[in-house]
PDB file of N, CA and C in Angstrom:
ATOM      1  N   MET A   1      85.099 138.696  48.679  1.00  0.00           N
ATOM      2  CA  MET A   1      85.574 138.412  47.361  1.00  0.00           C
ATOM      3  C   MET A   1      84.744 137.266  46.771  1.00  0.00           C
ATOM      4  N   VAL A   2      84.317 137.428  45.530  1.00  0.00           N
ATOM      5  CA  VAL A   2      83.528 136.415  44.850  1.00  0.00           C
ATOM      6  C   VAL A   2      84.460 135.376  44.240  1.00  0.00           C
ATOM      7  N   LEU A   3      84.132 134.137  44.469  1.00  0.00           N
ATOM      8  CA  LEU A   3      84.933 133.054  43.904  1.00  0.00           C
ATOM      9  C   LEU A   3      84.660 132.933  42.406  1.00  0.00           C
ATOM     10  N   SER A   4      85.681 132.631  41.666  1.00  0.00           N
ATOM     11  CA  SER A   4      85.513 132.347  40.245  1.00  0.00           C
ATOM     12  C   SER A   4      85.504 130.834  40.072  1.00  0.00           C
ATOM     13  N   PRO A   5      85.023 130.353  38.939  1.00  0.00           N
ATOM     14  CA  PRO A   5      85.097 128.908  38.702  1.00  0.00           C
ATOM     15  C   PRO A   5      86.537 128.393  38.766  1.00  0.00           C
ATOM     16  N   LEU A   6      87.486 129.219  38.359  1.00  0.00           N
ATOM     17  CA  LEU A   6      88.892 128.818  38.414  1.00  0.00           C
ATOM     18  C   LEU A   6      89.359 128.669  39.863  1.00  0.00           C
ATOM     19  N   ASP A   7      88.891 129.569  40.748  1.00  0.00           N
ATOM     20  CA  ASP A   7      89.242 129.452  42.173  1.00  0.00           C
ATOM     21  C   ASP A   7      88.748 128.115  42.742  1.00  0.00           C
ATOM     22  N   ILE A   8      87.539 127.752  42.355  1.00  0.00           N
ATOM     23  CA  ILE A   8      86.988 126.482  42.846  1.00  0.00           C
ATOM     24  C   ILE A   8      87.806 125.314  42.293  1.00  0.00           C
ATOM     25  N   HIS A   9      88.125 125.422  41.018  1.00  0.00           N
ATOM     26  CA  HIS A   9      88.876 124.344  40.370  1.00  0.00           C
ATOM     27  C   HIS A   9      90.264 124.165  40.994  1.00  0.00           C
ATOM     28  N   ASN A  10      90.915 125.253  41.334  1.00  0.00           N
ATOM     29  CA  ASN A  10      92.284 125.193  41.864  1.00  0.00           C
ATOM     30  C   ASN A  10      92.362 124.960  43.368  1.00  0.00           C
ATOM     31  N   LYS A  11      91.241 124.902  44.039  1.00  0.00           N
ATOM     32  CA  LYS A  11      91.254 124.715  45.496  1.00  0.00           C
ATOM     33  C   LYS A  11      91.822 123.340  45.839  1.00  0.00           C
ATOM     34  N   GLU A  12      92.790 123.321  46.725  1.00  0.00           N
ATOM     35  CA  GLU A  12      93.407 122.078  47.200  1.00  0.00           C
ATOM     36  C   GLU A  12      92.968 121.851  48.637  1.00  0.00           C
ATOM     37  N   PHE A  13      92.621 120.620  48.938  1.00  0.00           N
ATOM     38  CA  PHE A  13      92.237 120.255  50.291  1.00  0.00           C
ATOM     39  C   PHE A  13      93.289 119.305  50.847  1.00  0.00           C
ATOM     40  N   SER A  14      93.564 119.479  52.112  1.00  0.00           N
ATOM     41  CA  SER A  14      94.501 118.551  52.738  1.00  0.00           C
ATOM     42  C   SER A  14      93.760 117.249  53.065  1.00  0.00           C
ATOM     43  N   THR A  15      94.492 116.192  53.123  1.00  0.00           N
ATOM     44  CA  THR A  15      93.874 114.897  53.422  1.00  0.00           C
ATOM     45  C   THR A  15      94.366 114.413  54.778  1.00  0.00           C
ATOM     46  N   LYS A  16      93.505 113.710  55.420  1.00  0.00           N
ATOM     47  CA  LYS A  16      93.837 113.092  56.693  1.00  0.00           C
ATOM     48  C   LYS A  16      93.476 111.616  56.594  1.00  0.00           C
ATOM     49  N   LEU A  17      93.912 110.915  57.566  1.00  0.00           N
ATOM     50  CA  LEU A  17      93.556 109.508  57.625  1.00  0.00           C
ATOM     51  C   LEU A  17      92.042 109.385  57.613  1.00  0.00           C
ATOM     52  N   ARG A  18      91.550 108.531  56.791  1.00  0.00           N
ATOM     53  CA  ARG A  18      90.116 108.327  56.621  1.00  0.00           C
ATOM     54  C   ARG A  18      89.423 109.584  56.114  1.00  0.00           C
ATOM     55  N   GLY A  19      90.063 110.323  55.251  1.00  0.00           N
ATOM     56  CA  GLY A  19      89.487 111.537  54.663  1.00  0.00           C
ATOM     57  C   GLY A  19      88.461 111.192  53.592  1.00  0.00           C
ATOM     58  N   TYR A  20      87.992 112.198  52.941  1.00  0.00           N
ATOM     59  CA  TYR A  20      87.005 112.006  51.881  1.00  0.00           C
ATOM     60  C   TYR A  20      87.654 111.338  50.674  1.00  0.00           C
ATOM     61  N   ASN A  21      86.817 110.706  49.871  1.00  0.00           N
ATOM     62  CA  ASN A  21      87.269 110.111  48.623  1.00  0.00           C
ATOM     63  C   ASN A  21      87.600 111.248  47.658  1.00  0.00           C
ATOM     64  N   ILE A  22      88.850 111.338  47.272  1.00  0.00           N
ATOM     65  CA  ILE A  22      89.328 112.456  46.450  1.00  0.00           C
ATOM     66  C   ILE A  22      88.593 112.520  45.118  1.00  0.00           C
ATOM     67  N   ASP A  23      88.337 111.384  44.507  1.00  0.00           N
ATOM     68  CA  ASP A  23      87.634 111.388  43.212  1.00  0.00           C
ATOM     69  C   ASP A  23      86.208 111.926  43.348  1.00  0.00           C
ATOM     70  N   GLU A  24      85.523 111.536  44.423  1.00  0.00           N
ATOM     71  CA  GLU A  24      84.155 112.049  44.641  1.00  0.00           C
ATOM     72  C   GLU A  24      84.169 113.558  44.865  1.00  0.00           C
ATOM     73  N   VAL A  25      85.127 114.033  45.653  1.00  0.00           N
ATOM     74  CA  VAL A  25      85.234 115.473  45.915  1.00  0.00           C
ATOM     75  C   VAL A  25      85.523 116.215  44.611  1.00  0.00           C
ATOM     76  N   ASN A  26      86.450 115.693  43.827  1.00  0.00           N
ATOM     77  CA  ASN A  26      86.783 116.348  42.557  1.00  0.00           C
ATOM     78  C   ASN A  26      85.600 116.348  41.588  1.00  0.00           C
ATOM     79  N   ASP A  27      84.870 115.239  41.518  1.00  0.00           N
ATOM     80  CA  ASP A  27      83.692 115.177  40.652  1.00  0.00           C
ATOM     81  C   ASP A  27      82.641 116.207  41.098  1.00  0.00           C
ATOM     82  N   PHE A  28      82.452 116.279  42.395  1.00  0.00           N
ATOM     83  CA  PHE A  28      81.478 117.237  42.927  1.00  0.00           C
ATOM     84  C   PHE A  28      81.916 118.678  42.649  1.00  0.00           C
ATOM     85  N   LEU A  29      83.196 118.953  42.831  1.00  0.00           N
ATOM     86  CA  LEU A  29      83.707 120.301  42.549  1.00  0.00           C
ATOM     87  C   LEU A  29      83.555 120.643  41.069  1.00  0.00           C
ATOM     88  N   GLU A  30      83.762 119.684  40.193  1.00  0.00           N
ATOM     89  CA  GLU A  30      83.580 119.926  38.754  1.00  0.00           C
ATOM     90  C   GLU A  30      82.131 120.310  38.462  1.00  0.00           C
ATOM     91  N   GLN A  31      81.193 119.626  39.098  1.00  0.00           N
ATOM     92  CA  GLN A  31      79.779 119.965  38.902  1.00  0.00           C
ATOM     93  C   GLN A  31      79.486 121.361  39.452  1.00  0.00           C
ATOM     94  N   ILE A  32      80.057 121.697  40.595  1.00  0.00           N
ATOM     95  CA  ILE A  32      79.878 123.032  41.169  1.00  0.00           C
ATOM     96  C   ILE A  32      80.449 124.093  40.221  1.00  0.00           C
ATOM     97  N   ILE A  33      81.603 123.809  39.652  1.00  0.00           N
ATOM     98  CA  ILE A  33      82.234 124.756  38.723  1.00  0.00           C
ATOM     99  C   ILE A  33      81.315 125.014  37.531  1.00  0.00           C
ATOM    100  N   LYS A  34      80.763 123.949  36.957  1.00  0.00           N
ATOM    101  CA  LYS A  34      79.869 124.108  35.806  1.00  0.00           C
ATOM    102  C   LYS A  34      78.628 124.923  36.170  1.00  0.00           C
ATOM    103  N   ASP A  35      78.007 124.559  37.285  1.00  0.00           N
ATOM    104  CA  ASP A  35      76.796 125.268  37.718  1.00  0.00           C
ATOM    105  C   ASP A  35      77.088 126.726  38.053  1.00  0.00           C
ATOM    106  N   TYR A  36      78.226 126.946  38.675  1.00  0.00           N
ATOM    107  CA  TYR A  36      78.613 128.301  39.060  1.00  0.00           C
ATOM    108  C   TYR A  36      78.864 129.159  37.818  1.00  0.00           C
ATOM    109  N   GLN A  37      79.509 128.568  36.810  1.00  0.00           N
ATOM    110  CA  GLN A  37      79.763 129.297  35.568  1.00  0.00           C
ATOM    111  C   GLN A  37      78.441 129.652  34.884  1.00  0.00           C
ATOM    112  N   ILE A  38      77.501 128.718  34.886  1.00  0.00           N
ATOM    113  CA  ILE A  38      76.175 128.991  34.309  1.00  0.00           C
ATOM    114  C   ILE A  38      75.518 130.149  35.048  1.00  0.00           C
ATOM    115  N   THR A  39      75.600 130.139  36.362  1.00  0.00           N
ATOM    116  CA  THR A  39      75.007 131.211  37.167  1.00  0.00           C
ATOM    117  C   THR A  39      75.669 132.553  36.872  1.00  0.00           C
ATOM    118  N   LEU A  40      76.988 132.570  36.759  1.00  0.00           N
ATOM    119  CA  LEU A  40      77.694 133.811  36.429  1.00  0.00           C
ATOM    120  C   LEU A  40      77.282 134.326  35.045  1.00  0.00           C
ATOM    121  N   ASP A  41      77.166 133.410  34.074  1.00  0.00           N
ATOM    122  CA  ASP A  41      76.758 133.810  32.719  1.00  0.00           C
ATOM    123  C   ASP A  41      75.336 134.372  32.720  1.00  0.00           C
ATOM    124  N   GLN A  42      74.444 133.714  33.455  1.00  0.00           N
ATOM    125  CA  GLN A  42      73.066 134.210  33.542  1.00  0.00           C
ATOM    126  C   GLN A  42      73.025 135.580  34.213  1.00  0.00           C
ATOM    127  N   ASN A  43      73.815 135.741  35.251  1.00  0.00           N
ATOM    128  CA  ASN A  43      73.855 137.026  35.951  1.00  0.00           C
ATOM    129  C   ASN A  43      74.319 138.128  35.008  1.00  0.00           C
ATOM    130  N   LYS A  44      75.355 137.855  34.227  1.00  0.00           N
ATOM    131  CA  LYS A  44      75.861 138.847  33.261  1.00  0.00           C
ATOM    132  C   LYS A  44      74.791 139.172  32.224  1.00  0.00           C
ATOM    133  N   SER A  45      74.144 138.138  31.720  1.00  0.00           N
ATOM    134  CA  SER A  45      73.097 138.340  30.721  1.00  0.00           C
ATOM    135  C   SER A  45      71.951 139.184  31.289  1.00  0.00           C
ATOM    136  N   LEU A  46      71.519 138.855  32.487  1.00  0.00           N
ATOM    137  CA  LEU A  46      70.428 139.611  33.115  1.00  0.00           C
ATOM    138  C   LEU A  46      70.840 141.045  33.425  1.00  0.00           C
ATOM    139  N   THR A  47      72.082 141.239  33.822  1.00  0.00           N
ATOM    140  CA  THR A  47      72.583 142.586  34.074  1.00  0.00           C
ATOM    141  C   THR A  47      72.579 143.407  32.787  1.00  0.00           C
ATOM    142  N   ASP A  48      72.993 142.788  31.692  1.00  0.00           N
ATOM    143  CA  ASP A  48      72.977 143.472  30.397  1.00  0.00           C
ATOM    144  C   ASP A  48      71.551 143.798  29.965  1.00  0.00           C
ATOM    145  N   GLN A  49      70.636 142.847  30.158  1.00  0.00           N
ATOM    146  CA  GLN A  49      69.234 143.080  29.807  1.00  0.00           C
ATOM    147  C   GLN A  49      68.645 144.210  30.646  1.00  0.00           C
ATOM    148  N   LEU A  50      68.998 144.248  31.920  1.00  0.00           N
ATOM    149  CA  LEU A  50      68.501 145.302  32.798  1.00  0.00           C
ATOM    150  C   LEU A  50      69.007 146.666  32.346  1.00  0.00           C
ATOM    151  N   ALA A  51      70.268 146.742  31.970  1.00  0.00           N
ATOM    152  CA  ALA A  51      70.835 148.003  31.483  1.00  0.00           C
ATOM    153  C   ALA A  51      70.123 148.448  30.211  1.00  0.00           C
ATOM    154  N   ALA A  52      69.861 147.509  29.306  1.00  0.00           N
ATOM    155  CA  ALA A  52      69.146 147.847  28.067  1.00  0.00           C
ATOM    156  C   ALA A  52      67.729 148.300  28.379  1.00  0.00           C
ATOM    157  N   SER A  53      67.075 147.643  29.319  1.00  0.00           N
ATOM    158  CA  SER A  53      65.719 148.029  29.706  1.00  0.00           C
ATOM    159  C   SER A  53      65.705 149.413  30.354  1.00  0.00           C
ATOM    160  N   ASP A  54      66.718 149.695  31.154  1.00  0.00           N
ATOM    161  CA  ASP A  54      66.816 151.024  31.773  1.00  0.00           C
ATOM    162  C   ASP A  54      66.970 152.109  30.706  1.00  0.00           C
ATOM    163  N   GLU A  55      67.763 151.822  29.670  1.00  0.00           N
ATOM    164  CA  GLU A  55      67.930 152.787  28.588  1.00  0.00           C
ATOM    165  C   GLU A  55      66.612 153.009  27.849  1.00  0.00           C
ATOM    166  N   LYS A  56      65.895 151.917  27.571  1.00  0.00           N
ATOM    167  CA  LYS A  56      64.600 152.035  26.899  1.00  0.00           C
ATOM    168  C   LYS A  56      63.617 152.813  27.763  1.00  0.00           C
ATOM    169  N   LEU A  57      63.617 152.525  29.053  1.00  0.00           N
ATOM    170  CA  LEU A  57      62.713 153.226  29.971  1.00  0.00           C
ATOM    171  C   LEU A  57      63.005 154.714  29.972  1.00  0.00           C
ATOM    172  N   LYS A  58      64.271 155.091  30.001  1.00  0.00           N
ATOM    173  CA  LYS A  58      64.636 156.504  29.964  1.00  0.00           C
ATOM    174  C   LYS A  58      64.156 157.136  28.660  1.00  0.00           C
ATOM    175  N   TYR A  59      64.354 156.437  27.526  1.00  0.00           N
ATOM    176  CA  TYR A  59      63.906 156.948  26.239  1.00  0.00           C
ATOM    177  C   TYR A  59      62.395 157.179  26.244  1.00  0.00           C
ATOM    178  N   PHE A  60      61.638 156.196  26.717  1.00  0.00           N
ATOM    179  CA  PHE A  60      60.186 156.325  26.699  1.00  0.00           C
ATOM    180  C   PHE A  60      59.689 157.361  27.713  1.00  0.00           C
ATOM    181  N   ASN A  61      60.377 157.505  28.829  1.00  0.00           N
ATOM    182  CA  ASN A  61      59.998 158.562  29.770  1.00  0.00           C
ATOM    183  C   ASN A  61      60.257 159.938  29.164  1.00  0.00           C
ATOM    184  N   ASP A  62      61.381 160.088  28.463  1.00  0.00           N
ATOM    185  CA  ASP A  62      61.664 161.352  27.780  1.00  0.00           C
ATOM    186  C   ASP A  62      60.622 161.618  26.696  1.00  0.00           C
ATOM    187  N   LEU A  63      60.255 160.578  25.958  1.00  0.00           N
ATOM    188  CA  LEU A  63      59.233 160.704  24.921  1.00  0.00           C
ATOM    189  C   LEU A  63      57.891 161.089  25.533  1.00  0.00           C
ATOM    190  N   LYS A  64      57.552 160.474  26.650  1.00  0.00           N
ATOM    191  CA  LYS A  64      56.301 160.799  27.348  1.00  0.00           C
ATOM    192  C   LYS A  64      56.295 162.264  27.768  1.00  0.00           C
ATOM    193  N   ASP A  65      57.406 162.731  28.329  1.00  0.00           N
ATOM    194  CA  ASP A  65      57.491 164.129  28.753  1.00  0.00           C
ATOM    195  C   ASP A  65      57.340 165.069  27.562  1.00  0.00           C
ATOM    196  N   SER A  66      57.965 164.703  26.455  1.00  0.00           N
ATOM    197  CA  SER A  66      57.864 165.515  25.244  1.00  0.00           C
ATOM    198  C   SER A  66      56.426 165.550  24.728  1.00  0.00           C
ATOM    199  N   LEU A  67      55.764 164.407  24.717  1.00  0.00           N
ATOM    200  CA  LEU A  67      54.369 164.347  24.264  1.00  0.00           C
ATOM    201  C   LEU A  67      53.454 165.139  25.193  1.00  0.00           C
ATOM    202  N   ASN A  68      53.695 165.045  26.482  1.00  0.00           N
ATOM    203  CA  ASN A  68      52.887 165.816  27.430  1.00  0.00           C
ATOM    204  C   ASN A  68      53.062 167.307  27.190  1.00  0.00           C
ATOM    205  N   GLN A  69      54.292 167.727  26.933  1.00  0.00           N
ATOM    206  CA  GLN A  69      54.543 169.142  26.648  1.00  0.00           C
ATOM    207  C   GLN A  69      53.842 169.558  25.359  1.00  0.00           C
ATOM    208  N   SER A  70      53.871 168.690  24.344  1.00  0.00           N
ATOM    209  CA  SER A  70      53.193 168.986  23.080  1.00  0.00           C
ATOM    210  C   SER A  70      51.695 169.119  23.286  1.00  0.00           C
ATOM    211  N   ILE A  71      51.134 168.275  24.128  1.00  0.00           N
ATOM    212  CA  ILE A  71      49.696 168.355  24.421  1.00  0.00           C
ATOM    213  C   ILE A  71      49.370 169.682  25.093  1.00  0.00           C
ATOM    214  N   ILE A  72      50.205 170.111  26.006  1.00  0.00           N
ATOM    215  CA  ILE A  72      49.974 171.382  26.702  1.00  0.00           C
ATOM    216  C   ILE A  72      50.013 172.538  25.703  1.00  0.00           C
ATOM    217  N   VAL A  73      51.011 172.521  24.817  1.00  0.00           N
ATOM    218  CA  VAL A  73      51.131 173.578  23.809  1.00  0.00           C
ATOM    219  C   VAL A  73      49.915 173.559  22.887  1.00  0.00           C
ATOM    220  N   ALA A  74      49.489 172.379  22.460  1.00  0.00           N
ATOM    221  CA  ALA A  74      48.321 172.263  21.584  1.00  0.00           C
ATOM    222  C   ALA A  74      47.064 172.748  22.291  1.00  0.00           C
ATOM    223  N   GLN A  75      46.914 172.437  23.562  1.00  0.00           N
ATOM    224  CA  GLN A  75      45.747 172.883  24.328  1.00  0.00           C
ATOM    225  C   GLN A  75      45.739 174.407  24.452  1.00  0.00           C
ATOM    226  N   GLU A  76      46.910 174.996  24.706  1.00  0.00           N
ATOM    227  CA  GLU A  76      46.994 176.450  24.806  1.00  0.00           C
ATOM    228  C   GLU A  76      46.637 177.099  23.467  1.00  0.00           C
ATOM    229  N   ALA A  77      47.113 176.515  22.372  1.00  0.00           N
ATOM    230  CA  ALA A  77      46.789 177.050  21.045  1.00  0.00           C
ATOM    231  C   ALA A  77      45.297 176.932  20.782  1.00  0.00           C
ATOM    232  N   ALA A  78      44.710 175.807  21.144  1.00  0.00           N
ATOM    233  CA  ALA A  78      43.267 175.623  20.955  1.00  0.00           C
ATOM    234  C   ALA A  78      42.476 176.626  21.785  1.00  0.00           C
ATOM    235  N   ASP A  79      42.920 176.886  23.000  1.00  0.00           N
ATOM    236  CA  ASP A  79      42.246 177.872  23.850  1.00  0.00           C
ATOM    237  C   ASP A  79      42.308 179.265  23.226  1.00  0.00           C
ATOM    238  N   LYS A  80      43.457 179.610  22.636  1.00  0.00           N
ATOM    239  CA  LYS A  80      43.596 180.921  21.985  1.00  0.00           C
ATOM    240  C   LYS A  80      42.685 181.017  20.769  1.00  0.00           C
ATOM    241  N   VAL A  81      42.647 179.960  19.971  1.00  0.00           N
ATOM    242  CA  VAL A  81      41.777 179.953  18.792  1.00  0.00           C
ATOM    243  C   VAL A  81      40.318 180.091  19.214  1.00  0.00           C
ATOM    244  N   ARG A  82      39.921 179.379  20.243  1.00  0.00           N
ATOM    245  CA  ARG A  82      38.544 179.451  20.732  1.00  0.00           C
ATOM    246  C   ARG A  82      38.223 180.859  21.239  1.00  0.00           C
ATOM    247  N   ALA A  83      39.147 181.441  21.997  1.00  0.00           N
ATOM    248  CA  ALA A  83      38.917 182.791  22.526  1.00  0.00           C
ATOM    249  C   ALA A  83      38.800 183.792  21.384  1.00  0.00           C
ATOM    250  N   ASN A  84      39.685 183.690  20.390  1.00  0.00           N
ATOM    251  CA  ASN A  84      39.613 184.603  19.238  1.00  0.00           C
ATOM    252  C   ASN A  84      38.324 184.393  18.457  1.00  0.00           C
ATOM    253  N   SER A  85      37.882 183.159  18.316  1.00  0.00           N
ATOM    254  CA  SER A  85      36.636 182.874  17.604  1.00  0.00           C
ATOM    255  C   SER A  85      35.444 183.454  18.350  1.00  0.00           C
ATOM    256  N   GLN A  86      35.464 183.352  19.655  1.00  0.00           N
ATOM    257  CA  GLN A  86      34.358 183.905  20.439  1.00  0.00           C
ATOM    258  C   GLN A  86      34.329 185.435  20.325  1.00  0.00           C
ATOM    259  N   LYS A  87      35.511 186.062  20.352  1.00  0.00           N
ATOM    260  CA  LYS A  87      35.557 187.517  20.192  1.00  0.00           C
ATOM    261  C   LYS A  87      35.022 187.919  18.824  1.00  0.00           C
ATOM    262  N   GLU A  88      35.447 187.189  17.791  1.00  0.00           N
ATOM    263  CA  GLU A  88      35.003 187.494  16.439  1.00  0.00           C
ATOM    264  C   GLU A  88      33.499 187.270  16.318  1.00  0.00           C
ATOM    265  N   ALA A  89      33.007 186.202  16.897  1.00  0.00           N
ATOM    266  CA  ALA A  89      31.573 185.924  16.846  1.00  0.00           C
ATOM    267  C   ALA A  89      30.789 187.014  17.556  1.00  0.00           C
ATOM    268  N   THR A  90      31.318 187.473  18.672  1.00  0.00           N
ATOM    269  CA  THR A  90      30.639 188.526  19.414  1.00  0.00           C
ATOM    270  C   THR A  90      30.595 189.800  18.583  1.00  0.00           C
ATOM    271  N   SER A  91      31.647 190.102  17.888  1.00  0.00           N
ATOM    272  CA  SER A  91      31.672 191.331  17.098  1.00  0.00           C
ATOM    273  C   SER A  91      30.784 191.225  15.862  1.00  0.00           C
ATOM    274  N   LEU A  92      30.477 190.022  15.428  1.00  0.00           N
ATOM    275  CA  LEU A  92      29.650 189.851  14.241  1.00  0.00           C
ATOM    276  C   LEU A  92      28.162 189.689  14.559  1.00  0.00           C
ATOM    277  N   ILE A  93      27.839 189.600  15.822  1.00  0.00           N
ATOM    278  CA  ILE A  93      26.432 189.436  16.184  1.00  0.00           C
ATOM    279  C   ILE A  93      25.663 190.649  15.654  1.00  0.00           C
ATOM    280  N   VAL A  94      24.586 190.353  14.990  1.00  0.00           N
ATOM    281  CA  VAL A  94      23.791 191.417  14.400  1.00  0.00           C
ATOM    282  C   VAL A  94      23.060 192.141  15.504  1.00  0.00           C
ATOM    283  N   ARG A  95      23.257 193.425  15.510  1.00  0.00           N
ATOM    284  CA  ARG A  95      22.559 194.241  16.492  1.00  0.00           C
ATOM    285  C   ARG A  95      21.146 194.478  15.981  1.00  0.00           C
ATOM    286  N   PRO A  96      20.212 194.647  16.870  1.00  0.00           N
ATOM    287  CA  PRO A  96      18.834 194.870  16.407  1.00  0.00           C
ATOM    288  C   PRO A  96      18.790 196.101  15.508  1.00  0.00           C
ATOM    289  N   LYS A  97      18.056 195.955  14.427  1.00  0.00           N
ATOM    290  CA  LYS A  97      17.923 197.055  13.488  1.00  0.00           C
ATOM    291  C   LYS A  97      17.117 198.171  14.129  1.00  0.00           C
ATOM    292  N   SER A  98      17.529 199.352  13.821  1.00  0.00           N
ATOM    293  CA  SER A  98      16.735 200.483  14.329  1.00  0.00           C
ATOM    294  C   SER A  98      15.587 200.698  13.356  1.00  0.00           C
ATOM    295  N   LYS A  99      14.552 201.275  13.871  1.00  0.00           N
ATOM    296  CA  LYS A  99      13.379 201.521  13.040  1.00  0.00           C
ATOM    297  C   LYS A  99      13.736 202.559  11.983  1.00  0.00           C
ATOM    298  N   PRO A 100      13.268 202.269  10.776  1.00  0.00           N
ATOM    299  CA  PRO A 100      13.572 203.235   9.720  1.00  0.00           C
ATOM    300  C   PRO A 100      12.910 204.569  10.016  1.00  0.00           C
ATOM    301  N   MET A 101      13.562 205.548   9.598  1.00  0.00           N
ATOM    302  CA  MET A 101      13.018 206.896   9.803  1.00  0.00           C
ATOM    303  C   MET A 101      11.927 207.145   8.778  1.00  0.00           C
ATOM    304  N   THR A 102      10.842 207.664   9.220  1.00  0.00           N
ATOM    305  CA  THR A 102       9.768 207.979   8.292  1.00  0.00           C
ATOM    306  C   THR A 102       9.778 209.463   8.043  1.00  0.00           C
ATOM    307  N   LEU A 103       9.454 209.862   6.841  1.00  0.00           N
ATOM    308  CA  LEU A 103       9.420 211.263   6.479  1.00  0.00           C
ATOM    309  C   LEU A 103       8.073 211.772   6.279  1.00  0.00           C
TER     310      LEU A 103
END
């Protein structure tokens, strides 16, 4: 279980003869609470940023896949146009003229 700043704040310690100075312990715990809260806030912020980055990454990966597919389709269309142009060019090649018939 992860401690919350409130758990740290509410923690009670028993005292014994010649125990720790209660004010020093409380001051130290207050500093721990502040630092711990900062760490929790940073963790939440970084987790949110990571989630946003993951969403952007998914979007750009989908966009990349779409662009790659478009390139493939464009390449196939270009290949068809080239093949049709070559066929047309072949059919238009002038065949050698036959010698005219003399009478």
